[in-house]
mmCIF file of all heavy atoms, coordinates in Angstrom:
data_MODEL
# 
_entry.id   MODEL 
# 
loop_
_atom_site.group_PDB 
_atom_site.id 
_atom_site.type_symbol 
_atom_site.label_atom_id 
_atom_site.label_alt_id 
_atom_site.label_comp_id 
_atom_site.label_asym_id 
_atom_site.label_entity_id 
_atom_site.label_seq_id 
_atom_site.pdbx_PDB_ins_code 
_atom_site.Cartn_x 
_atom_site.Cartn_y 
_atom_site.Cartn_z 
_atom_site.occupancy 
_atom_site.B_iso_or_equiv 
_atom_site.pdbx_formal_charge 
_atom_site.auth_seq_id 
_atom_site.auth_comp_id 
_atom_site.auth_asym_id 
_atom_site.auth_atom_id 
_atom_site.pdbx_PDB_model_num 
ATOM 1   N N   . PRO A 1 1  ? -145.031 34.002 29.347 1.00 0.00 ? 1  PRO A N   1 
ATOM 2   C CA  . PRO A 1 1  ? -144.289 34.460 30.493 1.00 0.00 ? 1  PRO A CA  1 
ATOM 3   C C   . PRO A 1 1  ? -142.746 34.536 30.126 1.00 0.00 ? 1  PRO A C   1 
ATOM 4   O O   . PRO A 1 1  ? -142.277 33.703 29.333 1.00 0.00 ? 1  PRO A O   1 
ATOM 5   C CB  . PRO A 1 1  ? -144.487 33.447 31.544 1.00 0.00 ? 1  PRO A CB  1 
ATOM 6   C CG  . PRO A 1 1  ? -145.622 32.601 31.280 1.00 0.00 ? 1  PRO A CG  1 
ATOM 7   C CD  . PRO A 1 1  ? -145.687 32.708 29.712 1.00 0.00 ? 1  PRO A CD  1 
ATOM 8   N N   . LEU A 1 2  ? -142.113 35.607 30.553 1.00 0.00 ? 2  LEU A N   1 
ATOM 9   C CA  . LEU A 1 2  ? -140.668 35.682 30.275 1.00 0.00 ? 2  LEU A CA  1 
ATOM 10  C C   . LEU A 1 2  ? -139.899 35.638 31.489 1.00 0.00 ? 2  LEU A C   1 
ATOM 11  O O   . LEU A 1 2  ? -140.314 36.183 32.642 1.00 0.00 ? 2  LEU A O   1 
ATOM 12  C CB  . LEU A 1 2  ? -140.469 37.152 29.662 1.00 0.00 ? 2  LEU A CB  1 
ATOM 13  C CG  . LEU A 1 2  ? -141.133 37.385 28.284 1.00 0.00 ? 2  LEU A CG  1 
ATOM 14  C CD1 . LEU A 1 2  ? -140.993 38.742 27.844 1.00 0.00 ? 2  LEU A CD1 1 
ATOM 15  C CD2 . LEU A 1 2  ? -140.504 36.393 27.232 1.00 0.00 ? 2  LEU A CD2 1 
ATOM 16  N N   . PRO A 1 3  ? -138.716 34.984 31.546 1.00 0.00 ? 3  PRO A N   1 
ATOM 17  C CA  . PRO A 1 3  ? -137.981 34.767 32.811 1.00 0.00 ? 3  PRO A CA  1 
ATOM 18  C C   . PRO A 1 3  ? -137.170 35.932 33.143 1.00 0.00 ? 3  PRO A C   1 
ATOM 19  O O   . PRO A 1 3  ? -136.815 36.820 32.403 1.00 0.00 ? 3  PRO A O   1 
ATOM 20  C CB  . PRO A 1 3  ? -137.049 33.531 32.450 1.00 0.00 ? 3  PRO A CB  1 
ATOM 21  C CG  . PRO A 1 3  ? -136.884 33.753 31.015 1.00 0.00 ? 3  PRO A CG  1 
ATOM 22  C CD  . PRO A 1 3  ? -138.173 34.280 30.393 1.00 0.00 ? 3  PRO A CD  1 
ATOM 23  N N   . SER A 1 4  ? -136.747 35.992 34.494 1.00 0.00 ? 4  SER A N   1 
ATOM 24  C CA  . SER A 1 4  ? -135.720 36.924 34.937 1.00 0.00 ? 4  SER A CA  1 
ATOM 25  C C   . SER A 1 4  ? -134.323 36.532 34.336 1.00 0.00 ? 4  SER A C   1 
ATOM 26  O O   . SER A 1 4  ? -134.106 35.278 34.140 1.00 0.00 ? 4  SER A O   1 
ATOM 27  C CB  . SER A 1 4  ? -135.645 36.800 36.492 1.00 0.00 ? 4  SER A CB  1 
ATOM 28  O OG  . SER A 1 4  ? -134.588 37.496 36.932 1.00 0.00 ? 4  SER A OG  1 
ATOM 29  N N   . HIS A 1 5  ? -133.615 37.500 34.019 1.00 0.00 ? 5  HIS A N   1 
ATOM 30  C CA  . HIS A 1 5  ? -132.295 37.149 33.485 1.00 0.00 ? 5  HIS A CA  1 
ATOM 31  C C   . HIS A 1 5  ? -131.317 36.848 34.570 1.00 0.00 ? 5  HIS A C   1 
ATOM 32  O O   . HIS A 1 5  ? -130.182 36.263 34.348 1.00 0.00 ? 5  HIS A O   1 
ATOM 33  C CB  . HIS A 1 5  ? -131.701 38.312 32.555 1.00 0.00 ? 5  HIS A CB  1 
ATOM 34  C CG  . HIS A 1 5  ? -131.466 39.539 33.283 1.00 0.00 ? 5  HIS A CG  1 
ATOM 35  N ND1 . HIS A 1 5  ? -130.201 39.848 33.705 1.00 0.00 ? 5  HIS A ND1 1 
ATOM 36  C CD2 . HIS A 1 5  ? -132.236 40.565 33.619 1.00 0.00 ? 5  HIS A CD2 1 
ATOM 37  C CE1 . HIS A 1 5  ? -130.228 41.000 34.328 1.00 0.00 ? 5  HIS A CE1 1 
ATOM 38  N NE2 . HIS A 1 5  ? -131.522 41.437 34.299 1.00 0.00 ? 5  HIS A NE2 1 
ATOM 39  N N   . TYR A 1 6  ? -131.600 37.249 35.835 1.00 0.00 ? 6  TYR A N   1 
ATOM 40  C CA  . TYR A 1 6  ? -130.701 37.070 36.961 1.00 0.00 ? 6  TYR A CA  1 
ATOM 41  C C   . TYR A 1 6  ? -131.512 37.246 38.265 1.00 0.00 ? 6  TYR A C   1 
ATOM 42  O O   . TYR A 1 6  ? -132.112 38.266 38.359 1.00 0.00 ? 6  TYR A O   1 
ATOM 43  C CB  . TYR A 1 6  ? -129.521 38.023 36.870 1.00 0.00 ? 6  TYR A CB  1 
ATOM 44  C CG  . TYR A 1 6  ? -128.646 38.109 38.067 1.00 0.00 ? 6  TYR A CG  1 
ATOM 45  C CD1 . TYR A 1 6  ? -127.959 36.957 38.531 1.00 0.00 ? 6  TYR A CD1 1 
ATOM 46  C CD2 . TYR A 1 6  ? -128.432 39.343 38.713 1.00 0.00 ? 6  TYR A CD2 1 
ATOM 47  C CE1 . TYR A 1 6  ? -127.122 37.045 39.637 1.00 0.00 ? 6  TYR A CE1 1 
ATOM 48  C CE2 . TYR A 1 6  ? -127.506 39.393 39.773 1.00 0.00 ? 6  TYR A CE2 1 
ATOM 49  C CZ  . TYR A 1 6  ? -126.902 38.235 40.198 1.00 0.00 ? 6  TYR A CZ  1 
ATOM 50  O OH  . TYR A 1 6  ? -126.048 38.254 41.315 1.00 0.00 ? 6  TYR A OH  1 
ATOM 51  N N   . GLU A 1 7  ? -131.555 36.279 39.147 1.00 0.00 ? 7  GLU A N   1 
ATOM 52  C CA  . GLU A 1 7  ? -132.345 36.337 40.266 1.00 0.00 ? 7  GLU A CA  1 
ATOM 53  C C   . GLU A 1 7  ? -132.040 37.420 41.286 1.00 0.00 ? 7  GLU A C   1 
ATOM 54  O O   . GLU A 1 7  ? -132.865 37.740 42.114 1.00 0.00 ? 7  GLU A O   1 
ATOM 55  C CB  . GLU A 1 7  ? -132.373 34.907 41.062 1.00 0.00 ? 7  GLU A CB  1 
ATOM 56  C CG  . GLU A 1 7  ? -133.040 33.848 40.115 1.00 0.00 ? 7  GLU A CG  1 
ATOM 57  C CD  . GLU A 1 7  ? -134.445 34.172 39.724 1.00 0.00 ? 7  GLU A CD  1 
ATOM 58  O OE1 . GLU A 1 7  ? -135.273 34.656 40.538 1.00 0.00 ? 7  GLU A OE1 1 
ATOM 59  O OE2 . GLU A 1 7  ? -134.784 33.920 38.532 1.00 0.00 ? 7  GLU A OE2 1 
ATOM 60  N N   . ARG A 1 8  ? -130.879 38.025 41.251 1.00 0.00 ? 8  ARG A N   1 
ATOM 61  C CA  . ARG A 1 8  ? -130.527 39.155 42.142 1.00 0.00 ? 8  ARG A CA  1 
ATOM 62  C C   . ARG A 1 8  ? -130.602 40.484 41.446 1.00 0.00 ? 8  ARG A C   1 
ATOM 63  O O   . ARG A 1 8  ? -130.265 41.484 42.049 1.00 0.00 ? 8  ARG A O   1 
ATOM 64  C CB  . ARG A 1 8  ? -129.157 38.973 42.789 1.00 0.00 ? 8  ARG A CB  1 
ATOM 65  C CG  . ARG A 1 8  ? -129.098 37.655 43.520 1.00 0.00 ? 8  ARG A CG  1 
ATOM 66  C CD  . ARG A 1 8  ? -128.703 37.612 44.971 1.00 0.00 ? 8  ARG A CD  1 
ATOM 67  N NE  . ARG A 1 8  ? -128.200 38.759 45.549 1.00 0.00 ? 8  ARG A NE  1 
ATOM 68  C CZ  . ARG A 1 8  ? -128.710 39.257 46.665 1.00 0.00 ? 8  ARG A CZ  1 
ATOM 69  N NH1 . ARG A 1 8  ? -129.895 38.817 47.251 1.00 0.00 ? 8  ARG A NH1 1 
ATOM 70  N NH2 . ARG A 1 8  ? -128.186 40.378 47.246 1.00 0.00 ? 8  ARG A NH2 1 
ATOM 71  N N   . CYS A 1 9  ? -131.143 40.530 40.273 1.00 0.00 ? 9  CYS A N   1 
ATOM 72  C CA  . CYS A 1 9  ? -131.321 41.776 39.512 1.00 0.00 ? 9  CYS A CA  1 
ATOM 73  C C   . CYS A 1 9  ? -132.266 42.747 40.351 1.00 0.00 ? 9  CYS A C   1 
ATOM 74  O O   . CYS A 1 9  ? -133.319 42.259 40.827 1.00 0.00 ? 9  CYS A O   1 
ATOM 75  C CB  . CYS A 1 9  ? -131.890 41.494 38.167 1.00 0.00 ? 9  CYS A CB  1 
ATOM 76  S SG  . CYS A 1 9  ? -132.338 42.993 37.208 1.00 0.00 ? 9  CYS A SG  1 
ATOM 77  N N   . PHE A 1 10 ? -131.897 43.987 40.385 1.00 0.00 ? 10 PHE A N   1 
ATOM 78  C CA  . PHE A 1 10 ? -132.813 44.968 41.134 1.00 0.00 ? 10 PHE A CA  1 
ATOM 79  C C   . PHE A 1 10 ? -134.136 45.064 40.467 1.00 0.00 ? 10 PHE A C   1 
ATOM 80  O O   . PHE A 1 10 ? -135.210 45.183 41.015 1.00 0.00 ? 10 PHE A O   1 
ATOM 81  C CB  . PHE A 1 10 ? -132.172 46.306 41.144 1.00 0.00 ? 10 PHE A CB  1 
ATOM 82  C CG  . PHE A 1 10 ? -133.055 47.383 41.753 1.00 0.00 ? 10 PHE A CG  1 
ATOM 83  C CD1 . PHE A 1 10 ? -133.343 47.480 43.105 1.00 0.00 ? 10 PHE A CD1 1 
ATOM 84  C CD2 . PHE A 1 10 ? -133.762 48.334 40.921 1.00 0.00 ? 10 PHE A CD2 1 
ATOM 85  C CE1 . PHE A 1 10 ? -134.164 48.366 43.626 1.00 0.00 ? 10 PHE A CE1 1 
ATOM 86  C CE2 . PHE A 1 10 ? -134.609 49.205 41.434 1.00 0.00 ? 10 PHE A CE2 1 
ATOM 87  C CZ  . PHE A 1 10 ? -134.829 49.304 42.771 1.00 0.00 ? 10 PHE A CZ  1 
ATOM 88  N N   . GLY A 1 11 ? -134.176 44.951 39.064 1.00 0.00 ? 11 GLY A N   1 
ATOM 89  C CA  . GLY A 1 11 ? -135.395 45.062 38.410 1.00 0.00 ? 11 GLY A CA  1 
ATOM 90  C C   . GLY A 1 11 ? -136.326 43.922 38.386 1.00 0.00 ? 11 GLY A C   1 
ATOM 91  O O   . GLY A 1 11 ? -137.513 43.931 38.681 1.00 0.00 ? 11 GLY A O   1 
ATOM 92  N N   . CYS A 1 12 ? -135.747 42.724 38.037 1.00 0.00 ? 12 CYS A N   1 
ATOM 93  C CA  . CYS A 1 12 ? -136.578 41.562 37.796 1.00 0.00 ? 12 CYS A CA  1 
ATOM 94  C C   . CYS A 1 12 ? -136.271 40.355 38.705 1.00 0.00 ? 12 CYS A C   1 
ATOM 95  O O   . CYS A 1 12 ? -137.018 39.305 38.693 1.00 0.00 ? 12 CYS A O   1 
ATOM 96  C CB  . CYS A 1 12 ? -136.505 41.097 36.369 1.00 0.00 ? 12 CYS A CB  1 
ATOM 97  S SG  . CYS A 1 12 ? -134.865 40.581 35.894 1.00 0.00 ? 12 CYS A SG  1 
ATOM 98  N N   . GLY A 1 13 ? -135.268 40.503 39.539 1.00 0.00 ? 13 GLY A N   1 
ATOM 99  C CA  . GLY A 1 13 ? -134.856 39.401 40.378 1.00 0.00 ? 13 GLY A CA  1 
ATOM 100 C C   . GLY A 1 13 ? -135.721 39.134 41.618 1.00 0.00 ? 13 GLY A C   1 
ATOM 101 O O   . GLY A 1 13 ? -136.006 39.992 42.330 1.00 0.00 ? 13 GLY A O   1 
ATOM 102 N N   . ARG A 1 14 ? -136.193 37.938 41.741 1.00 0.00 ? 14 ARG A N   1 
ATOM 103 C CA  . ARG A 1 14 ? -136.986 37.526 42.885 1.00 0.00 ? 14 ARG A CA  1 
ATOM 104 C C   . ARG A 1 14 ? -136.179 37.520 44.158 1.00 0.00 ? 14 ARG A C   1 
ATOM 105 O O   . ARG A 1 14 ? -136.734 37.637 45.315 1.00 0.00 ? 14 ARG A O   1 
ATOM 106 C CB  . ARG A 1 14 ? -137.612 36.128 42.692 1.00 0.00 ? 14 ARG A CB  1 
ATOM 107 C CG  . ARG A 1 14 ? -138.750 36.152 41.677 1.00 0.00 ? 14 ARG A CG  1 
ATOM 108 C CD  . ARG A 1 14 ? -139.214 34.701 41.504 1.00 0.00 ? 14 ARG A CD  1 
ATOM 109 N NE  . ARG A 1 14 ? -138.085 33.970 40.720 1.00 0.00 ? 14 ARG A NE  1 
ATOM 110 C CZ  . ARG A 1 14 ? -138.346 32.816 40.142 1.00 0.00 ? 14 ARG A CZ  1 
ATOM 111 N NH1 . ARG A 1 14 ? -139.526 32.216 40.161 1.00 0.00 ? 14 ARG A NH1 1 
ATOM 112 N NH2 . ARG A 1 14 ? -137.336 32.256 39.489 1.00 0.00 ? 14 ARG A NH2 1 
ATOM 113 N N   . ASP A 1 15 ? -134.811 37.378 44.091 1.00 0.00 ? 15 ASP A N   1 
ATOM 114 C CA  . ASP A 1 15 ? -134.065 37.282 45.285 1.00 0.00 ? 15 ASP A CA  1 
ATOM 115 C C   . ASP A 1 15 ? -133.434 38.500 45.765 1.00 0.00 ? 15 ASP A C   1 
ATOM 116 O O   . ASP A 1 15 ? -132.735 38.565 46.729 1.00 0.00 ? 15 ASP A O   1 
ATOM 117 C CB  . ASP A 1 15 ? -132.955 36.261 45.020 1.00 0.00 ? 15 ASP A CB  1 
ATOM 118 C CG  . ASP A 1 15 ? -133.421 34.845 44.861 1.00 0.00 ? 15 ASP A CG  1 
ATOM 119 O OD1 . ASP A 1 15 ? -134.601 34.592 45.300 1.00 0.00 ? 15 ASP A OD1 1 
ATOM 120 O OD2 . ASP A 1 15 ? -132.734 34.020 44.304 1.00 0.00 ? 15 ASP A OD2 1 
ATOM 121 N N   . HIS A 1 16 ? -133.752 39.657 45.070 1.00 0.00 ? 16 HIS A N   1 
ATOM 122 C CA  . HIS A 1 16 ? -133.255 40.965 45.476 1.00 0.00 ? 16 HIS A CA  1 
ATOM 123 C C   . HIS A 1 16 ? -134.212 41.476 46.588 1.00 0.00 ? 16 HIS A C   1 
ATOM 124 O O   . HIS A 1 16 ? -135.414 41.550 46.371 1.00 0.00 ? 16 HIS A O   1 
ATOM 125 C CB  . HIS A 1 16 ? -133.168 41.948 44.313 1.00 0.00 ? 16 HIS A CB  1 
ATOM 126 C CG  . HIS A 1 16 ? -132.434 43.210 44.687 1.00 0.00 ? 16 HIS A CG  1 
ATOM 127 N ND1 . HIS A 1 16 ? -132.875 44.135 45.584 1.00 0.00 ? 16 HIS A ND1 1 
ATOM 128 C CD2 . HIS A 1 16 ? -131.252 43.660 44.179 1.00 0.00 ? 16 HIS A CD2 1 
ATOM 129 C CE1 . HIS A 1 16 ? -131.958 45.081 45.694 1.00 0.00 ? 16 HIS A CE1 1 
ATOM 130 N NE2 . HIS A 1 16 ? -131.043 44.809 44.827 1.00 0.00 ? 16 HIS A NE2 1 
ATOM 131 N N   . PRO A 1 17 ? -133.714 41.676 47.849 1.00 0.00 ? 17 PRO A N   1 
ATOM 132 C CA  . PRO A 1 17 ? -134.589 42.036 48.924 1.00 0.00 ? 17 PRO A CA  1 
ATOM 133 C C   . PRO A 1 17 ? -135.455 43.286 48.746 1.00 0.00 ? 17 PRO A C   1 
ATOM 134 O O   . PRO A 1 17 ? -136.577 43.289 49.295 1.00 0.00 ? 17 PRO A O   1 
ATOM 135 C CB  . PRO A 1 17 ? -133.633 42.151 50.151 1.00 0.00 ? 17 PRO A CB  1 
ATOM 136 C CG  . PRO A 1 17 ? -132.319 42.371 49.552 1.00 0.00 ? 17 PRO A CG  1 
ATOM 137 C CD  . PRO A 1 17 ? -132.259 41.764 48.178 1.00 0.00 ? 17 PRO A CD  1 
ATOM 138 N N   . THR A 1 18 ? -134.938 44.262 48.085 1.00 0.00 ? 18 THR A N   1 
ATOM 139 C CA  . THR A 1 18 ? -135.742 45.517 47.901 1.00 0.00 ? 18 THR A CA  1 
ATOM 140 C C   . THR A 1 18 ? -136.068 45.846 46.510 1.00 0.00 ? 18 THR A C   1 
ATOM 141 O O   . THR A 1 18 ? -136.391 47.027 46.216 1.00 0.00 ? 18 THR A O   1 
ATOM 142 C CB  . THR A 1 18 ? -135.096 46.702 48.642 1.00 0.00 ? 18 THR A CB  1 
ATOM 143 O OG1 . THR A 1 18 ? -133.790 46.846 48.037 1.00 0.00 ? 18 THR A OG1 1 
ATOM 144 C CG2 . THR A 1 18 ? -134.895 46.445 50.188 1.00 0.00 ? 18 THR A CG2 1 
ATOM 145 N N   . GLY A 1 19 ? -135.837 44.935 45.602 1.00 0.00 ? 19 GLY A N   1 
ATOM 146 C CA  . GLY A 1 19 ? -135.939 45.193 44.121 1.00 0.00 ? 19 GLY A CA  1 
ATOM 147 C C   . GLY A 1 19 ? -137.390 45.404 43.753 1.00 0.00 ? 19 GLY A C   1 
ATOM 148 O O   . GLY A 1 19 ? -138.268 45.328 44.544 1.00 0.00 ? 19 GLY A O   1 
ATOM 149 N N   . LEU A 1 20 ? -137.566 45.557 42.426 1.00 0.00 ? 20 LEU A N   1 
ATOM 150 C CA  . LEU A 1 20 ? -138.861 45.777 41.940 1.00 0.00 ? 20 LEU A CA  1 
ATOM 151 C C   . LEU A 1 20 ? -139.669 44.520 41.764 1.00 0.00 ? 20 LEU A C   1 
ATOM 152 O O   . LEU A 1 20 ? -140.905 44.553 41.742 1.00 0.00 ? 20 LEU A O   1 
ATOM 153 C CB  . LEU A 1 20 ? -138.735 46.451 40.525 1.00 0.00 ? 20 LEU A CB  1 
ATOM 154 C CG  . LEU A 1 20 ? -137.976 47.787 40.453 1.00 0.00 ? 20 LEU A CG  1 
ATOM 155 C CD1 . LEU A 1 20 ? -137.951 48.281 39.003 1.00 0.00 ? 20 LEU A CD1 1 
ATOM 156 C CD2 . LEU A 1 20 ? -138.596 48.800 41.412 1.00 0.00 ? 20 LEU A CD2 1 
ATOM 157 N N   . HIS A 1 21 ? -138.965 43.404 41.550 1.00 0.00 ? 21 HIS A N   1 
ATOM 158 C CA  . HIS A 1 21 ? -139.578 42.108 41.337 1.00 0.00 ? 21 HIS A CA  1 
ATOM 159 C C   . HIS A 1 21 ? -140.560 42.162 40.122 1.00 0.00 ? 21 HIS A C   1 
ATOM 160 O O   . HIS A 1 21 ? -141.684 41.599 40.181 1.00 0.00 ? 21 HIS A O   1 
ATOM 161 C CB  . HIS A 1 21 ? -140.301 41.591 42.604 1.00 0.00 ? 21 HIS A CB  1 
ATOM 162 C CG  . HIS A 1 21 ? -139.426 41.593 43.836 1.00 0.00 ? 21 HIS A CG  1 
ATOM 163 N ND1 . HIS A 1 21 ? -139.826 41.945 45.019 1.00 0.00 ? 21 HIS A ND1 1 
ATOM 164 C CD2 . HIS A 1 21 ? -138.120 41.196 43.951 1.00 0.00 ? 21 HIS A CD2 1 
ATOM 165 C CE1 . HIS A 1 21 ? -138.874 41.751 45.914 1.00 0.00 ? 21 HIS A CE1 1 
ATOM 166 N NE2 . HIS A 1 21 ? -137.794 41.378 45.277 1.00 0.00 ? 21 HIS A NE2 1 
ATOM 167 N N   . LEU A 1 22 ? -140.133 42.895 39.114 1.00 0.00 ? 22 LEU A N   1 
ATOM 168 C CA  . LEU A 1 22 ? -140.931 43.075 37.887 1.00 0.00 ? 22 LEU A CA  1 
ATOM 169 C C   . LEU A 1 22 ? -141.155 41.750 37.240 1.00 0.00 ? 22 LEU A C   1 
ATOM 170 O O   . LEU A 1 22 ? -140.237 40.935 37.024 1.00 0.00 ? 22 LEU A O   1 
ATOM 171 C CB  . LEU A 1 22 ? -140.147 43.989 36.929 1.00 0.00 ? 22 LEU A CB  1 
ATOM 172 C CG  . LEU A 1 22 ? -140.864 44.415 35.726 1.00 0.00 ? 22 LEU A CG  1 
ATOM 173 C CD1 . LEU A 1 22 ? -142.123 45.220 35.987 1.00 0.00 ? 22 LEU A CD1 1 
ATOM 174 C CD2 . LEU A 1 22 ? -139.864 45.322 34.850 1.00 0.00 ? 22 LEU A CD2 1 
ATOM 175 N N   . VAL A 1 23 ? -142.429 41.526 36.892 1.00 0.00 ? 23 VAL A N   1 
ATOM 176 C CA  . VAL A 1 23 ? -142.744 40.235 36.134 1.00 0.00 ? 23 VAL A CA  1 
ATOM 177 C C   . VAL A 1 23 ? -143.333 40.701 34.825 1.00 0.00 ? 23 VAL A C   1 
ATOM 178 O O   . VAL A 1 23 ? -144.276 41.625 34.684 1.00 0.00 ? 23 VAL A O   1 
ATOM 179 C CB  . VAL A 1 23 ? -143.863 39.466 36.944 1.00 0.00 ? 23 VAL A CB  1 
ATOM 180 C CG1 . VAL A 1 23 ? -144.320 38.319 36.175 1.00 0.00 ? 23 VAL A CG1 1 
ATOM 181 C CG2 . VAL A 1 23 ? -143.318 39.050 38.321 1.00 0.00 ? 23 VAL A CG2 1 
ATOM 182 N N   . MET A 1 24 ? -142.826 40.150 33.721 1.00 0.00 ? 24 MET A N   1 
ATOM 183 C CA  . MET A 1 24 ? -143.194 40.561 32.379 1.00 0.00 ? 24 MET A CA  1 
ATOM 184 C C   . MET A 1 24 ? -143.557 39.309 31.574 1.00 0.00 ? 24 MET A C   1 
ATOM 185 O O   . MET A 1 24 ? -143.204 38.195 31.836 1.00 0.00 ? 24 MET A O   1 
ATOM 186 C CB  . MET A 1 24 ? -142.005 41.225 31.698 1.00 0.00 ? 24 MET A CB  1 
ATOM 187 C CG  . MET A 1 24 ? -141.570 42.498 32.364 1.00 0.00 ? 24 MET A CG  1 
ATOM 188 S SD  . MET A 1 24 ? -142.678 43.953 32.274 1.00 0.00 ? 24 MET A SD  1 
ATOM 189 C CE  . MET A 1 24 ? -142.454 44.456 30.569 1.00 0.00 ? 24 MET A CE  1 
ATOM 190 N N   . GLU A 1 25 ? -144.334 39.569 30.525 1.00 0.00 ? 25 GLU A N   1 
ATOM 191 C CA  . GLU A 1 25 ? -144.712 38.508 29.595 1.00 0.00 ? 25 GLU A CA  1 
ATOM 192 C C   . GLU A 1 25 ? -144.744 39.139 28.179 1.00 0.00 ? 25 GLU A C   1 
ATOM 193 O O   . GLU A 1 25 ? -144.907 40.340 27.992 1.00 0.00 ? 25 GLU A O   1 
ATOM 194 C CB  . GLU A 1 25 ? -146.152 37.888 29.893 1.00 0.00 ? 25 GLU A CB  1 
ATOM 195 C CG  . GLU A 1 25 ? -147.277 38.931 29.781 1.00 0.00 ? 25 GLU A CG  1 
ATOM 196 C CD  . GLU A 1 25 ? -148.558 38.386 30.314 1.00 0.00 ? 25 GLU A CD  1 
ATOM 197 O OE1 . GLU A 1 25 ? -148.575 37.316 31.001 1.00 0.00 ? 25 GLU A OE1 1 
ATOM 198 O OE2 . GLU A 1 25 ? -149.578 38.941 29.955 1.00 0.00 ? 25 GLU A OE2 1 
ATOM 199 N N   . ALA A 1 26 ? -144.503 38.304 27.233 1.00 0.00 ? 26 ALA A N   1 
ATOM 200 C CA  . ALA A 1 26 ? -144.580 38.737 25.810 1.00 0.00 ? 26 ALA A CA  1 
ATOM 201 C C   . ALA A 1 26 ? -146.076 38.782 25.551 1.00 0.00 ? 26 ALA A C   1 
ATOM 202 O O   . ALA A 1 26 ? -146.818 37.766 25.617 1.00 0.00 ? 26 ALA A O   1 
ATOM 203 C CB  . ALA A 1 26 ? -143.888 37.723 24.957 1.00 0.00 ? 26 ALA A CB  1 
ATOM 204 N N   . ASP A 1 27 ? -146.498 39.925 24.933 1.00 0.00 ? 27 ASP A N   1 
ATOM 205 C CA  . ASP A 1 27 ? -147.881 40.136 24.588 1.00 0.00 ? 27 ASP A CA  1 
ATOM 206 C C   . ASP A 1 27 ? -148.084 39.776 23.029 1.00 0.00 ? 27 ASP A C   1 
ATOM 207 O O   . ASP A 1 27 ? -149.183 39.438 22.628 1.00 0.00 ? 27 ASP A O   1 
ATOM 208 C CB  . ASP A 1 27 ? -148.165 41.598 24.682 1.00 0.00 ? 27 ASP A CB  1 
ATOM 209 C CG  . ASP A 1 27 ? -149.280 41.993 25.651 1.00 0.00 ? 27 ASP A CG  1 
ATOM 210 O OD1 . ASP A 1 27 ? -149.811 41.044 26.149 1.00 0.00 ? 27 ASP A OD1 1 
ATOM 211 O OD2 . ASP A 1 27 ? -149.595 43.175 25.673 1.00 0.00 ? 27 ASP A OD2 1 
# 
């Protein structure tokens, strides 16, 4: 699993209300 770089990021942040909430892992 790879972490979000910033919790309010539109792409990966869990705390962005309308963001993508993208979850990624190293394969």
